[in-house]
Amino acid sequence: MAVAKKPPEFVTKLRKALSEKLRAKGIESRVEFEPLKGTKLYRFAVYAPAFAKMWVSERQDLVWRIASSVLPGDEQFQVSVILTLAPEDLGEEPQDRYKARRRPARAGVRRGDRAYRPARTR
């Protein structure tokens, strides 16, 4: 039976800081990590439904600001990537957002038909 190896201190420190500081901003999240085989690097993933309302650049800026506030430069270099994922990024259905519905097509009329003529605007 394999014994689970305890992660380095910076990993637990970053995981805790991401979770707590995001919660302080009103963002409930789940933070996971894994080591990259053959290296001393770690990969992090932060899952939060609130990320659905943010641009990816905003998410990344937020988590890396947190990381830089709790980790010194040499430990930051041991973080390979911090993924910021919303439920939609994982293929899950949005839970509290409006779902757009397609209007039913008119019977016998399709865009490819010659009889279909969109209204002209001038």
PDB file of N, CA and C in Angstrom:
ATOM      1  N   MET A   1       0.845  -1.180   0.000  1.00  0.00           N
ATOM      2  CA  MET A   1       0.000   0.000   0.000  1.00  0.00           C
ATOM      3  C   MET A   1       0.888   1.240   0.000  1.00  0.00           C
ATOM      4  N   ALA A   2       0.606   2.142  -0.935  1.00  0.00           N
ATOM      5  CA  ALA A   2       1.404   3.354  -1.072  1.00  0.00           C
ATOM      6  C   ALA A   2       1.005   4.364  -0.002  1.00  0.00           C
ATOM      7  N   VAL A   3       2.005   5.016   0.545  1.00  0.00           N
ATOM      8  CA  VAL A   3       1.770   6.033   1.558  1.00  0.00           C
ATOM      9  C   VAL A   3       1.687   7.386   0.857  1.00  0.00           C
ATOM     10  N   ALA A   4       0.631   8.140   1.148  1.00  0.00           N
ATOM     11  CA  ALA A   4       0.460   9.459   0.549  1.00  0.00           C
ATOM     12  C   ALA A   4       1.540  10.397   1.073  1.00  0.00           C
ATOM     13  N   LYS A   5       2.200  11.059   0.137  1.00  0.00           N
ATOM     14  CA  LYS A   5       3.266  11.976   0.501  1.00  0.00           C
ATOM     15  C   LYS A   5       2.660  13.342   0.845  1.00  0.00           C
ATOM     16  N   LYS A   6       3.119  13.913   1.938  1.00  0.00           N
ATOM     17  CA  LYS A   6       2.627  15.215   2.370  1.00  0.00           C
ATOM     18  C   LYS A   6       3.147  16.299   1.412  1.00  0.00           C
ATOM     19  N   PRO A   7       2.244  17.193   0.941  1.00  0.00           N
ATOM     20  CA  PRO A   7       2.703  18.254   0.027  1.00  0.00           C
ATOM     21  C   PRO A   7       3.573  19.265   0.758  1.00  0.00           C
ATOM     22  N   PRO A   8       4.400  19.995  -0.001  1.00  0.00           N
ATOM     23  CA  PRO A   8       5.230  21.036   0.608  1.00  0.00           C
ATOM     24  C   PRO A   8       4.374  22.112   1.287  1.00  0.00           C
ATOM     25  N   GLU A   9       4.976  22.845   2.175  1.00  0.00           N
ATOM     26  CA  GLU A   9       4.261  23.871   2.945  1.00  0.00           C
ATOM     27  C   GLU A   9       3.644  24.943   2.051  1.00  0.00           C
ATOM     28  N   PHE A  10       4.350  25.348   0.984  1.00  0.00           N
ATOM     29  CA  PHE A  10       3.814  26.419   0.135  1.00  0.00           C
ATOM     30  C   PHE A  10       2.515  25.981  -0.550  1.00  0.00           C
ATOM     31  N   VAL A  11       2.356  24.696  -0.815  1.00  0.00           N
ATOM     32  CA  VAL A  11       1.152  24.198  -1.465  1.00  0.00           C
ATOM     33  C   VAL A  11      -0.057  24.349  -0.542  1.00  0.00           C
ATOM     34  N   THR A  12       0.081  23.920   0.687  1.00  0.00           N
ATOM     35  CA  THR A  12      -1.034  24.049   1.630  1.00  0.00           C
ATOM     36  C   THR A  12      -1.316  25.515   1.958  1.00  0.00           C
ATOM     37  N   LYS A  13      -0.248  26.306   2.005  1.00  0.00           N
ATOM     38  CA  LYS A  13      -0.424  27.736   2.283  1.00  0.00           C
ATOM     39  C   LYS A  13      -1.195  28.419   1.148  1.00  0.00           C
ATOM     40  N   LEU A  14      -0.842  28.103  -0.090  1.00  0.00           N
ATOM     41  CA  LEU A  14      -1.535  28.711  -1.231  1.00  0.00           C
ATOM     42  C   LEU A  14      -2.975  28.217  -1.325  1.00  0.00           C
ATOM     43  N   ARG A  15      -3.183  26.945  -1.120  1.00  0.00           N
ATOM     44  CA  ARG A  15      -4.547  26.400  -1.170  1.00  0.00           C
ATOM     45  C   ARG A  15      -5.450  27.083  -0.139  1.00  0.00           C
ATOM     46  N   LYS A  16      -4.956  27.233   1.070  1.00  0.00           N
ATOM     47  CA  LYS A  16      -5.730  27.873   2.137  1.00  0.00           C
ATOM     48  C   LYS A  16      -5.985  29.352   1.821  1.00  0.00           C
ATOM     49  N   ALA A  17      -4.940  30.051   1.334  1.00  0.00           N
ATOM     50  CA  ALA A  17      -5.078  31.477   1.029  1.00  0.00           C
ATOM     51  C   ALA A  17      -6.083  31.704  -0.102  1.00  0.00           C
ATOM     52  N   LEU A  18      -6.010  30.887  -1.161  1.00  0.00           N
ATOM     53  CA  LEU A  18      -6.962  31.045  -2.261  1.00  0.00           C
ATOM     54  C   LEU A  18      -8.396  30.857  -1.767  1.00  0.00           C
ATOM     55  N   SER A  19      -8.606  29.821  -1.003  1.00  0.00           N
ATOM     56  CA  SER A  19      -9.950  29.535  -0.498  1.00  0.00           C
ATOM     57  C   SER A  19     -10.465  30.653   0.405  1.00  0.00           C
ATOM     58  N   GLU A  20      -9.651  31.083   1.359  1.00  0.00           N
ATOM     59  CA  GLU A  20     -10.081  32.109   2.312  1.00  0.00           C
ATOM     60  C   GLU A  20     -10.263  33.475   1.677  1.00  0.00           C
ATOM     61  N   LYS A  21      -9.323  33.888   0.831  1.00  0.00           N
ATOM     62  CA  LYS A  21      -9.408  35.233   0.243  1.00  0.00           C
ATOM     63  C   LYS A  21     -10.513  35.333  -0.802  1.00  0.00           C
ATOM     64  N   LEU A  22     -10.774  34.251  -1.514  1.00  0.00           N
ATOM     65  CA  LEU A  22     -11.903  34.272  -2.440  1.00  0.00           C
ATOM     66  C   LEU A  22     -13.218  34.324  -1.670  1.00  0.00           C
ATOM     67  N   ARG A  23     -13.312  33.576  -0.567  1.00  0.00           N
ATOM     68  CA  ARG A  23     -14.520  33.604   0.269  1.00  0.00           C
ATOM     69  C   ARG A  23     -14.739  35.010   0.826  1.00  0.00           C
ATOM     70  N   ALA A  24     -13.652  35.695   1.198  1.00  0.00           N
ATOM     71  CA  ALA A  24     -13.765  37.063   1.717  1.00  0.00           C
ATOM     72  C   ALA A  24     -14.327  38.014   0.658  1.00  0.00           C
ATOM     73  N   LYS A  25     -14.123  37.674  -0.617  1.00  0.00           N
ATOM     74  CA  LYS A  25     -14.659  38.495  -1.708  1.00  0.00           C
ATOM     75  C   LYS A  25     -16.040  38.013  -2.159  1.00  0.00           C
ATOM     76  N   GLY A  26     -16.593  37.044  -1.433  1.00  0.00           N
ATOM     77  CA  GLY A  26     -17.919  36.541  -1.753  1.00  0.00           C
ATOM     78  C   GLY A  26     -17.930  35.455  -2.815  1.00  0.00           C
ATOM     79  N   ILE A  27     -16.793  34.823  -3.050  1.00  0.00           N
ATOM     80  CA  ILE A  27     -16.693  33.776  -4.063  1.00  0.00           C
ATOM     81  C   ILE A  27     -16.448  32.437  -3.376  1.00  0.00           C
ATOM     82  N   GLU A  28     -17.479  31.588  -3.380  1.00  0.00           N
ATOM     83  CA  GLU A  28     -17.315  30.241  -2.825  1.00  0.00           C
ATOM     84  C   GLU A  28     -16.569  29.401  -3.851  1.00  0.00           C
ATOM     85  N   SER A  29     -15.537  28.694  -3.420  1.00  0.00           N
ATOM     86  CA  SER A  29     -14.709  27.955  -4.364  1.00  0.00           C
ATOM     87  C   SER A  29     -14.223  26.640  -3.778  1.00  0.00           C
ATOM     88  N   ARG A  30     -13.724  25.805  -4.673  1.00  0.00           N
ATOM     89  CA  ARG A  30     -13.071  24.561  -4.289  1.00  0.00           C
ATOM     90  C   ARG A  30     -11.689  24.590  -4.929  1.00  0.00           C
ATOM     91  N   VAL A  31     -10.640  24.391  -4.130  1.00  0.00           N
ATOM     92  CA  VAL A  31      -9.267  24.464  -4.629  1.00  0.00           C
ATOM     93  C   VAL A  31      -8.644  23.079  -4.550  1.00  0.00           C
ATOM     94  N   GLU A  32      -8.112  22.624  -5.668  1.00  0.00           N
ATOM     95  CA  GLU A  32      -7.435  21.338  -5.724  1.00  0.00           C
ATOM     96  C   GLU A  32      -6.041  21.548  -6.289  1.00  0.00           C
ATOM     97  N   PHE A  33      -5.155  20.586  -6.024  1.00  0.00           N
ATOM     98  CA  PHE A  33      -3.802  20.669  -6.562  1.00  0.00           C
ATOM     99  C   PHE A  33      -3.294  19.270  -6.855  1.00  0.00           C
ATOM    100  N   GLU A  34      -2.250  19.218  -7.686  1.00  0.00           N
ATOM    101  CA  GLU A  34      -1.574  17.954  -7.963  1.00  0.00           C
ATOM    102  C   GLU A  34      -0.137  18.233  -8.370  1.00  0.00           C
ATOM    103  N   PRO A  35       0.770  17.329  -8.013  1.00  0.00           N
ATOM    104  CA  PRO A  35       2.160  17.499  -8.439  1.00  0.00           C
ATOM    105  C   PRO A  35       2.316  17.085  -9.896  1.00  0.00           C
ATOM    106  N   LEU A  36       3.242  17.727 -10.589  1.00  0.00           N
ATOM    107  CA  LEU A  36       3.554  17.326 -11.953  1.00  0.00           C
ATOM    108  C   LEU A  36       4.675  16.300 -11.884  1.00  0.00           C
ATOM    109  N   LYS A  37       4.441  15.123 -12.418  1.00  0.00           N
ATOM    110  CA  LYS A  37       5.397  14.026 -12.316  1.00  0.00           C
ATOM    111  C   LYS A  37       6.750  14.406 -12.898  1.00  0.00           C
ATOM    112  N   GLY A  38       7.784  14.015 -12.191  1.00  0.00           N
ATOM    113  CA  GLY A  38       9.149  14.249 -12.660  1.00  0.00           C
ATOM    114  C   GLY A  38       9.669  15.653 -12.431  1.00  0.00           C
ATOM    115  N   THR A  39       8.877  16.501 -11.747  1.00  0.00           N
ATOM    116  CA  THR A  39       9.303  17.880 -11.487  1.00  0.00           C
ATOM    117  C   THR A  39       8.986  18.228 -10.039  1.00  0.00           C
ATOM    118  N   LYS A  40       9.369  19.436  -9.645  1.00  0.00           N
ATOM    119  CA  LYS A  40       9.004  19.961  -8.322  1.00  0.00           C
ATOM    120  C   LYS A  40       7.847  20.946  -8.425  1.00  0.00           C
ATOM    121  N   LEU A  41       7.170  20.924  -9.567  1.00  0.00           N
ATOM    122  CA  LEU A  41       6.093  21.867  -9.832  1.00  0.00           C
ATOM    123  C   LEU A  41       4.740  21.301  -9.419  1.00  0.00           C
ATOM    124  N   TYR A  42       3.799  22.225  -9.135  1.00  0.00           N
ATOM    125  CA  TYR A  42       2.433  21.856  -8.774  1.00  0.00           C
ATOM    126  C   TYR A  42       1.451  22.603  -9.658  1.00  0.00           C
ATOM    127  N   ARG A  43       0.346  21.937  -9.953  1.00  0.00           N
ATOM    128  CA  ARG A  43      -0.725  22.521 -10.746  1.00  0.00           C
ATOM    129  C   ARG A  43      -1.936  22.684  -9.824  1.00  0.00           C
ATOM    130  N   PHE A  44      -2.584  23.854  -9.880  1.00  0.00           N
ATOM    131  CA  PHE A  44      -3.754  24.148  -9.051  1.00  0.00           C
ATOM    132  C   PHE A  44      -4.967  24.340  -9.948  1.00  0.00           C
ATOM    133  N   ALA A  45      -6.137  24.005  -9.418  1.00  0.00           N
ATOM    134  CA  ALA A  45      -7.399  24.259 -10.099  1.00  0.00           C
ATOM    135  C   ALA A  45      -8.361  24.860  -9.081  1.00  0.00           C
ATOM    136  N   VAL A  46      -8.957  25.977  -9.451  1.00  0.00           N
ATOM    137  CA  VAL A  46      -9.926  26.660  -8.584  1.00  0.00           C
ATOM    138  C   VAL A  46     -11.266  26.624  -9.308  1.00  0.00           C
ATOM    139  N   TYR A  47     -12.251  25.957  -8.703  1.00  0.00           N
ATOM    140  CA  TYR A  47     -13.600  25.843  -9.257  1.00  0.00           C
ATOM    141  C   TYR A  47     -14.524  26.775  -8.485  1.00  0.00           C
ATOM    142  N   ALA A  48     -15.222  27.659  -9.215  1.00  0.00           N
ATOM    143  CA  ALA A  48     -16.148  28.579  -8.553  1.00  0.00           C
ATOM    144  C   ALA A  48     -17.272  28.967  -9.513  1.00  0.00           C
ATOM    145  N   PRO A  49     -18.531  28.797  -9.105  1.00  0.00           N
ATOM    146  CA  PRO A  49     -19.649  29.224  -9.951  1.00  0.00           C
ATOM    147  C   PRO A  49     -19.607  30.723 -10.267  1.00  0.00           C
ATOM    148  N   ALA A  50     -19.073  31.525  -9.352  1.00  0.00           N
ATOM    149  CA  ALA A  50     -19.016  32.977  -9.571  1.00  0.00           C
ATOM    150  C   ALA A  50     -18.075  33.350 -10.715  1.00  0.00           C
ATOM    151  N   PHE A  51     -17.181  32.449 -11.102  1.00  0.00           N
ATOM    152  CA  PHE A  51     -16.268  32.723 -12.213  1.00  0.00           C
ATOM    153  C   PHE A  51     -17.011  32.834 -13.541  1.00  0.00           C
ATOM    154  N   ALA A  52     -18.222  32.310 -13.611  1.00  0.00           N
ATOM    155  CA  ALA A  52     -19.001  32.363 -14.856  1.00  0.00           C
ATOM    156  C   ALA A  52     -19.296  33.803 -15.263  1.00  0.00           C
ATOM    157  N   LYS A  53     -19.327  34.705 -14.300  1.00  0.00           N
ATOM    158  CA  LYS A  53     -19.648  36.108 -14.579  1.00  0.00           C
ATOM    159  C   LYS A  53     -18.396  36.954 -14.820  1.00  0.00           C
ATOM    160  N   MET A  54     -17.227  36.307 -14.840  1.00  0.00           N
ATOM    161  CA  MET A  54     -15.964  37.036 -14.976  1.00  0.00           C
ATOM    162  C   MET A  54     -15.231  36.604 -16.252  1.00  0.00           C
ATOM    163  N   TRP A  55     -14.472  37.526 -16.831  1.00  0.00           N
ATOM    164  CA  TRP A  55     -13.581  37.187 -17.930  1.00  0.00           C
ATOM    165  C   TRP A  55     -12.455  36.312 -17.380  1.00  0.00           C
ATOM    166  N   VAL A  56     -11.880  35.488 -18.223  1.00  0.00           N
ATOM    167  CA  VAL A  56     -10.776  34.626 -17.802  1.00  0.00           C
ATOM    168  C   VAL A  56      -9.610  35.477 -17.298  1.00  0.00           C
ATOM    169  N   SER A  57      -9.350  36.593 -17.937  1.00  0.00           N
ATOM    170  CA  SER A  57      -8.257  37.468 -17.504  1.00  0.00           C
ATOM    171  C   SER A  57      -8.510  38.029 -16.101  1.00  0.00           C
ATOM    172  N   GLU A  58      -9.781  38.319 -15.775  1.00  0.00           N
ATOM    173  CA  GLU A  58     -10.114  38.797 -14.430  1.00  0.00           C
ATOM    174  C   GLU A  58      -9.893  37.698 -13.390  1.00  0.00           C
ATOM    175  N   ARG A  59     -10.303  36.484 -13.740  1.00  0.00           N
ATOM    176  CA  ARG A  59     -10.109  35.355 -12.822  1.00  0.00           C
ATOM    177  C   ARG A  59      -8.624  35.141 -12.545  1.00  0.00           C
ATOM    178  N   GLN A  60      -7.839  35.128 -13.624  1.00  0.00           N
ATOM    179  CA  GLN A  60      -6.405  34.881 -13.486  1.00  0.00           C
ATOM    180  C   GLN A  60      -5.725  35.991 -12.688  1.00  0.00           C
ATOM    181  N   ASP A  61      -6.097  37.227 -12.959  1.00  0.00           N
ATOM    182  CA  ASP A  61      -5.523  38.348 -12.222  1.00  0.00           C
ATOM    183  C   ASP A  61      -5.820  38.212 -10.733  1.00  0.00           C
ATOM    184  N   LEU A  62      -7.035  37.831 -10.414  1.00  0.00           N
ATOM    185  CA  LEU A  62      -7.453  37.680  -9.024  1.00  0.00           C
ATOM    186  C   LEU A  62      -6.652  36.600  -8.306  1.00  0.00           C
ATOM    187  N   VAL A  63      -6.567  35.399  -8.892  1.00  0.00           N
ATOM    188  CA  VAL A  63      -5.866  34.309  -8.194  1.00  0.00           C
ATOM    189  C   VAL A  63      -4.359  34.527  -8.133  1.00  0.00           C
ATOM    190  N   TRP A  64      -3.783  35.121  -9.165  1.00  0.00           N
ATOM    191  CA  TRP A  64      -2.332  35.353  -9.114  1.00  0.00           C
ATOM    192  C   TRP A  64      -1.976  36.503  -8.170  1.00  0.00           C
ATOM    193  N   ARG A  65      -2.867  37.474  -8.000  1.00  0.00           N
ATOM    194  CA  ARG A  65      -2.625  38.505  -6.977  1.00  0.00           C
ATOM    195  C   ARG A  65      -2.612  37.878  -5.597  1.00  0.00           C
ATOM    196  N   ILE A  66      -3.523  36.937  -5.363  1.00  0.00           N
ATOM    197  CA  ILE A  66      -3.550  36.224  -4.081  1.00  0.00           C
ATOM    198  C   ILE A  66      -2.266  35.412  -3.914  1.00  0.00           C
ATOM    199  N   ALA A  67      -1.876  34.698  -4.961  1.00  0.00           N
ATOM    200  CA  ALA A  67      -0.657  33.875  -4.896  1.00  0.00           C
ATOM    201  C   ALA A  67       0.579  34.728  -4.618  1.00  0.00           C
ATOM    202  N   SER A  68       0.686  35.866  -5.286  1.00  0.00           N
ATOM    203  CA  SER A  68       1.864  36.708  -5.076  1.00  0.00           C
ATOM    204  C   SER A  68       1.870  37.371  -3.700  1.00  0.00           C
ATOM    205  N   SER A  69       0.688  37.498  -3.087  1.00  0.00           N
ATOM    206  CA  SER A  69       0.641  38.107  -1.755  1.00  0.00           C
ATOM    207  C   SER A  69       1.054  37.125  -0.657  1.00  0.00           C
ATOM    208  N   VAL A  70       0.941  35.816  -0.908  1.00  0.00           N
ATOM    209  CA  VAL A  70       1.261  34.836   0.142  1.00  0.00           C
ATOM    210  C   VAL A  70       2.525  34.034  -0.129  1.00  0.00           C
ATOM    211  N   LEU A  71       2.996  34.013  -1.372  1.00  0.00           N
ATOM    212  CA  LEU A  71       4.187  33.233  -1.698  1.00  0.00           C
ATOM    213  C   LEU A  71       5.335  34.126  -2.131  1.00  0.00           C
ATOM    214  N   PRO A  72       6.538  33.874  -1.642  1.00  0.00           N
ATOM    215  CA  PRO A  72       7.695  34.604  -2.165  1.00  0.00           C
ATOM    216  C   PRO A  72       7.985  34.143  -3.600  1.00  0.00           C
ATOM    217  N   GLY A  73       8.779  34.913  -4.304  1.00  0.00           N
ATOM    218  CA  GLY A  73       9.053  34.656  -5.717  1.00  0.00           C
ATOM    219  C   GLY A  73       9.539  33.259  -6.037  1.00  0.00           C
ATOM    220  N   ASP A  74      10.457  32.722  -5.224  1.00  0.00           N
ATOM    221  CA  ASP A  74      10.987  31.395  -5.533  1.00  0.00           C
ATOM    222  C   ASP A  74       9.920  30.309  -5.411  1.00  0.00           C
ATOM    223  N   GLU A  75       8.964  30.474  -4.511  1.00  0.00           N
ATOM    224  CA  GLU A  75       7.878  29.496  -4.379  1.00  0.00           C
ATOM    225  C   GLU A  75       6.834  29.686  -5.480  1.00  0.00           C
ATOM    226  N   GLN A  76       6.664  30.912  -5.956  1.00  0.00           N
ATOM    227  CA  GLN A  76       5.734  31.150  -7.056  1.00  0.00           C
ATOM    228  C   GLN A  76       6.178  30.406  -8.309  1.00  0.00           C
ATOM    229  N   PHE A  77       7.496  30.277  -8.483  1.00  0.00           N
ATOM    230  CA  PHE A  77       8.016  29.572  -9.652  1.00  0.00           C
ATOM    231  C   PHE A  77       7.730  28.079  -9.604  1.00  0.00           C
ATOM    232  N   GLN A  78       7.350  27.566  -8.452  1.00  0.00           N
ATOM    233  CA  GLN A  78       7.020  26.150  -8.337  1.00  0.00           C
ATOM    234  C   GLN A  78       5.545  25.881  -8.631  1.00  0.00           C
ATOM    235  N   VAL A  79       4.799  26.937  -8.912  1.00  0.00           N
ATOM    236  CA  VAL A  79       3.399  26.799  -9.316  1.00  0.00           C
ATOM    237  C   VAL A  79       3.374  26.844 -10.844  1.00  0.00           C
ATOM    238  N   SER A  80       3.057  25.716 -11.443  1.00  0.00           N
ATOM    239  CA  SER A  80       3.054  25.614 -12.901  1.00  0.00           C
ATOM    240  C   SER A  80       1.910  26.403 -13.515  1.00  0.00           C
ATOM    241  N   VAL A  81       0.699  26.210 -12.963  1.00  0.00           N
ATOM    242  CA  VAL A  81      -0.486  26.869 -13.508  1.00  0.00           C
ATOM    243  C   VAL A  81      -1.560  26.901 -12.420  1.00  0.00           C
ATOM    244  N   ILE A  82      -2.402  27.919 -12.495  1.00  0.00           N
ATOM    245  CA  ILE A  82      -3.600  27.965 -11.662  1.00  0.00           C
ATOM    246  C   ILE A  82      -4.776  28.075 -12.626  1.00  0.00           C
ATOM    247  N   LEU A  83      -5.505  26.979 -12.767  1.00  0.00           N
ATOM    248  CA  LEU A  83      -6.686  26.982 -13.624  1.00  0.00           C
ATOM    249  C   LEU A  83      -7.835  27.614 -12.861  1.00  0.00           C
ATOM    250  N   THR A  84      -8.603  28.457 -13.522  1.00  0.00           N
ATOM    251  CA  THR A  84      -9.777  29.071 -12.902  1.00  0.00           C
ATOM    252  C   THR A  84     -10.981  28.636 -13.712  1.00  0.00           C
ATOM    253  N   LEU A  85     -11.805  27.776 -13.134  1.00  0.00           N
ATOM    254  CA  LEU A  85     -12.877  27.137 -13.884  1.00  0.00           C
ATOM    255  C   LEU A  85     -14.256  27.423 -13.304  1.00  0.00           C
ATOM    256  N   ALA A  86     -15.180  27.722 -14.199  1.00  0.00           N
ATOM    257  CA  ALA A  86     -16.592  27.867 -13.850  1.00  0.00           C
ATOM    258  C   ALA A  86     -17.296  26.570 -14.248  1.00  0.00           C
ATOM    259  N   PRO A  87     -18.503  26.330 -13.756  1.00  0.00           N
ATOM    260  CA  PRO A  87     -19.213  25.102 -14.130  1.00  0.00           C
ATOM    261  C   PRO A  87     -19.352  24.922 -15.646  1.00  0.00           C
ATOM    262  N   GLU A  88     -19.565  26.005 -16.384  1.00  0.00           N
ATOM    263  CA  GLU A  88     -19.704  25.924 -17.835  1.00  0.00           C
ATOM    264  C   GLU A  88     -18.416  25.430 -18.489  1.00  0.00           C
ATOM    265  N   ASP A  89     -17.280  25.764 -17.905  1.00  0.00           N
ATOM    266  CA  ASP A  89     -15.997  25.328 -18.446  1.00  0.00           C
ATOM    267  C   ASP A  89     -15.826  23.821 -18.344  1.00  0.00           C
ATOM    268  N   LEU A  90     -16.558  23.212 -17.411  1.00  0.00           N
ATOM    269  CA  LEU A  90     -16.490  21.770 -17.209  1.00  0.00           C
ATOM    270  C   LEU A  90     -17.622  21.041 -17.920  1.00  0.00           C
ATOM    271  N   GLY A  91     -18.402  21.786 -18.707  1.00  0.00           N
ATOM    272  CA  GLY A  91     -19.502  21.181 -19.434  1.00  0.00           C
ATOM    273  C   GLY A  91     -20.758  20.992 -18.614  1.00  0.00           C
ATOM    274  N   GLU A  92     -20.805  21.584 -17.440  1.00  0.00           N
ATOM    275  CA  GLU A  92     -21.993  21.482 -16.593  1.00  0.00           C
ATOM    276  C   GLU A  92     -22.987  22.565 -16.990  1.00  0.00           C
ATOM    277  N   GLU A  93     -24.238  22.319 -16.704  1.00  0.00           N
ATOM    278  CA  GLU A  93     -25.287  23.286 -16.998  1.00  0.00           C
ATOM    279  C   GLU A  93     -25.199  24.466 -16.044  1.00  0.00           C
ATOM    280  N   PRO A  94     -25.388  25.697 -16.537  1.00  0.00           N
ATOM    281  CA  PRO A  94     -25.453  26.840 -15.626  1.00  0.00           C
ATOM    282  C   PRO A  94     -26.678  26.701 -14.735  1.00  0.00           C
ATOM    283  N   GLN A  95     -26.529  27.029 -13.475  1.00  0.00           N
ATOM    284  CA  GLN A  95     -27.609  26.786 -12.543  1.00  0.00           C
ATOM    285  C   GLN A  95     -28.518  27.986 -12.335  1.00  0.00           C
ATOM    286  N   ASP A  96     -27.975  29.171 -12.363  1.00  0.00           N
ATOM    287  CA  ASP A  96     -28.818  30.316 -12.033  1.00  0.00           C
ATOM    288  C   ASP A  96     -28.873  31.341 -13.159  1.00  0.00           C
ATOM    289  N   ARG A  97     -28.516  30.932 -14.362  1.00  0.00           N
ATOM    290  CA  ARG A  97     -28.542  31.888 -15.458  1.00  0.00           C
ATOM    291  C   ARG A  97     -29.636  31.533 -16.444  1.00  0.00           C
ATOM    292  N   TYR A  98     -30.079  32.532 -17.162  1.00  0.00           N
ATOM    293  CA  TYR A  98     -31.144  32.356 -18.139  1.00  0.00           C
ATOM    294  C   TYR A  98     -30.670  31.424 -19.254  1.00  0.00           C
ATOM    295  N   LYS A  99     -31.490  30.443 -19.581  1.00  0.00           N
ATOM    296  CA  LYS A  99     -31.193  29.550 -20.695  1.00  0.00           C
ATOM    297  C   LYS A  99     -31.960  30.041 -21.916  1.00  0.00           C
ATOM    298  N   ALA A 100     -31.237  30.380 -22.944  1.00  0.00           N
ATOM    299  CA  ALA A 100     -31.883  30.862 -24.164  1.00  0.00           C
ATOM    300  C   ALA A 100     -32.547  29.693 -24.884  1.00  0.00           C
ATOM    301  N   ARG A 101     -33.726  29.945 -25.416  1.00  0.00           N
ATOM    302  CA  ARG A 101     -34.432  28.919 -26.169  1.00  0.00           C
ATOM    303  C   ARG A 101     -34.560  29.356 -27.619  1.00  0.00           C
ATOM    304  N   ARG A 102     -34.419  28.407 -28.481  1.00  0.00           N
ATOM    305  CA  ARG A 102     -34.599  28.709 -29.895  1.00  0.00           C
ATOM    306  C   ARG A 102     -36.078  28.774 -30.208  1.00  0.00           C
ATOM    307  N   ARG A 103     -36.428  29.699 -31.060  1.00  0.00           N
ATOM    308  CA  ARG A 103     -37.815  29.768 -31.516  1.00  0.00           C
ATOM    309  C   ARG A 103     -38.063  28.630 -32.493  1.00  0.00           C
ATOM    310  N   PRO A 104     -39.245  28.038 -32.453  1.00  0.00           N
ATOM    311  CA  PRO A 104     -39.531  26.974 -33.430  1.00  0.00           C
ATOM    312  C   PRO A 104     -39.599  27.562 -34.831  1.00  0.00           C
ATOM    313  N   ALA A 105     -39.087  26.830 -35.784  1.00  0.00           N
ATOM    314  CA  ALA A 105     -39.116  27.295 -37.173  1.00  0.00           C
ATOM    315  C   ALA A 105     -40.537  27.243 -37.706  1.00  0.00           C
ATOM    316  N   ARG A 106     -40.842  28.141 -38.631  1.00  0.00           N
ATOM    317  CA  ARG A 106     -42.151  28.107 -39.269  1.00  0.00           C
ATOM    318  C   ARG A 106     -42.225  26.864 -40.150  1.00  0.00           C
ATOM    319  N   ALA A 107     -43.377  26.272 -40.195  1.00  0.00           N
ATOM    320  CA  ALA A 107     -43.552  25.029 -40.942  1.00  0.00           C
ATOM    321  C   ALA A 107     -43.226  25.226 -42.415  1.00  0.00           C
ATOM    322  N   GLY A 108     -42.352  24.387 -42.944  1.00  0.00           N
ATOM    323  CA  GLY A 108     -42.034  24.400 -44.366  1.00  0.00           C
ATOM    324  C   GLY A 108     -41.098  25.499 -44.811  1.00  0.00           C
ATOM    325  N   VAL A 109     -40.617  26.337 -43.923  1.00  0.00           N
ATOM    326  CA  VAL A 109     -39.730  27.429 -44.317  1.00  0.00           C
ATOM    327  C   VAL A 109     -38.379  27.251 -43.632  1.00  0.00           C
ATOM    328  N   ARG A 110     -37.359  27.130 -44.458  1.00  0.00           N
ATOM    329  CA  ARG A 110     -35.995  27.022 -43.936  1.00  0.00           C
ATOM    330  C   ARG A 110     -35.122  28.032 -44.659  1.00  0.00           C
ATOM    331  N   ARG A 111     -34.014  28.360 -44.087  1.00  0.00           N
ATOM    332  CA  ARG A 111     -33.135  29.340 -44.716  1.00  0.00           C
ATOM    333  C   ARG A 111     -32.654  28.890 -46.095  1.00  0.00           C
ATOM    334  N   GLY A 112     -32.483  27.601 -46.301  1.00  0.00           N
ATOM    335  CA  GLY A 112     -31.991  27.112 -47.577  1.00  0.00           C
ATOM    336  C   GLY A 112     -33.031  27.134 -48.683  1.00  0.00           C
ATOM    337  N   ASP A 113     -34.291  27.288 -48.310  1.00  0.00           N
ATOM    338  CA  ASP A 113     -35.353  27.296 -49.317  1.00  0.00           C
ATOM    339  C   ASP A 113     -35.315  28.597 -50.118  1.00  0.00           C
ATOM    340  N   ARG A 114     -35.663  28.474 -51.408  1.00  0.00           N
ATOM    341  CA  ARG A 114     -35.692  29.670 -52.255  1.00  0.00           C
ATOM    342  C   ARG A 114     -36.796  30.634 -51.815  1.00  0.00           C
ATOM    343  N   ALA A 115     -37.841  30.077 -51.244  1.00  0.00           N
ATOM    344  CA  ALA A 115     -38.980  30.906 -50.850  1.00  0.00           C
ATOM    345  C   ALA A 115     -38.672  31.768 -49.634  1.00  0.00           C
ATOM    346  N   TYR A 116     -37.587  31.446 -48.923  1.00  0.00           N
ATOM    347  CA  TYR A 116     -37.245  32.215 -47.724  1.00  0.00           C
ATOM    348  C   TYR A 116     -36.623  33.536 -48.137  1.00  0.00           C
ATOM    349  N   ARG A 117     -37.251  34.612 -47.768  1.00  0.00           N
ATOM    350  CA  ARG A 117     -36.703  35.935 -48.060  1.00  0.00           C
ATOM    351  C   ARG A 117     -36.711  36.752 -46.784  1.00  0.00           C
ATOM    352  N   PRO A 118     -35.537  37.067 -46.235  1.00  0.00           N
ATOM    353  CA  PRO A 118     -35.526  37.899 -45.029  1.00  0.00           C
ATOM    354  C   PRO A 118     -36.027  39.306 -45.350  1.00  0.00           C
ATOM    355  N   ALA A 119     -36.577  39.963 -44.373  1.00  0.00           N
ATOM    356  CA  ALA A 119     -37.095  41.320 -44.559  1.00  0.00           C
ATOM    357  C   ALA A 119     -35.944  42.247 -44.908  1.00  0.00           C
ATOM    358  N   ARG A 120     -36.183  43.125 -45.858  1.00  0.00           N
ATOM    359  CA  ARG A 120     -35.153  44.087 -46.245  1.00  0.00           C
ATOM    360  C   ARG A 120     -35.263  45.337 -45.401  1.00  0.00           C
ATOM    361  N   THR A 121     -34.130  45.872 -45.059  1.00  0.00           N
ATOM    362  CA  THR A 121     -34.121  47.151 -44.334  1.00  0.00           C
ATOM    363  C   THR A 121     -33.375  48.164 -45.165  1.00  0.00           C
ATOM    364  N   ARG A 122     -33.857  49.351 -45.189  1.00  0.00           N
ATOM    365  CA  ARG A 122     -33.190  50.396 -45.976  1.00  0.00           C
ATOM    366  C   ARG A 122     -32.788  51.511 -45.108  1.00  0.00           C
TER     367      ARG A 122
END
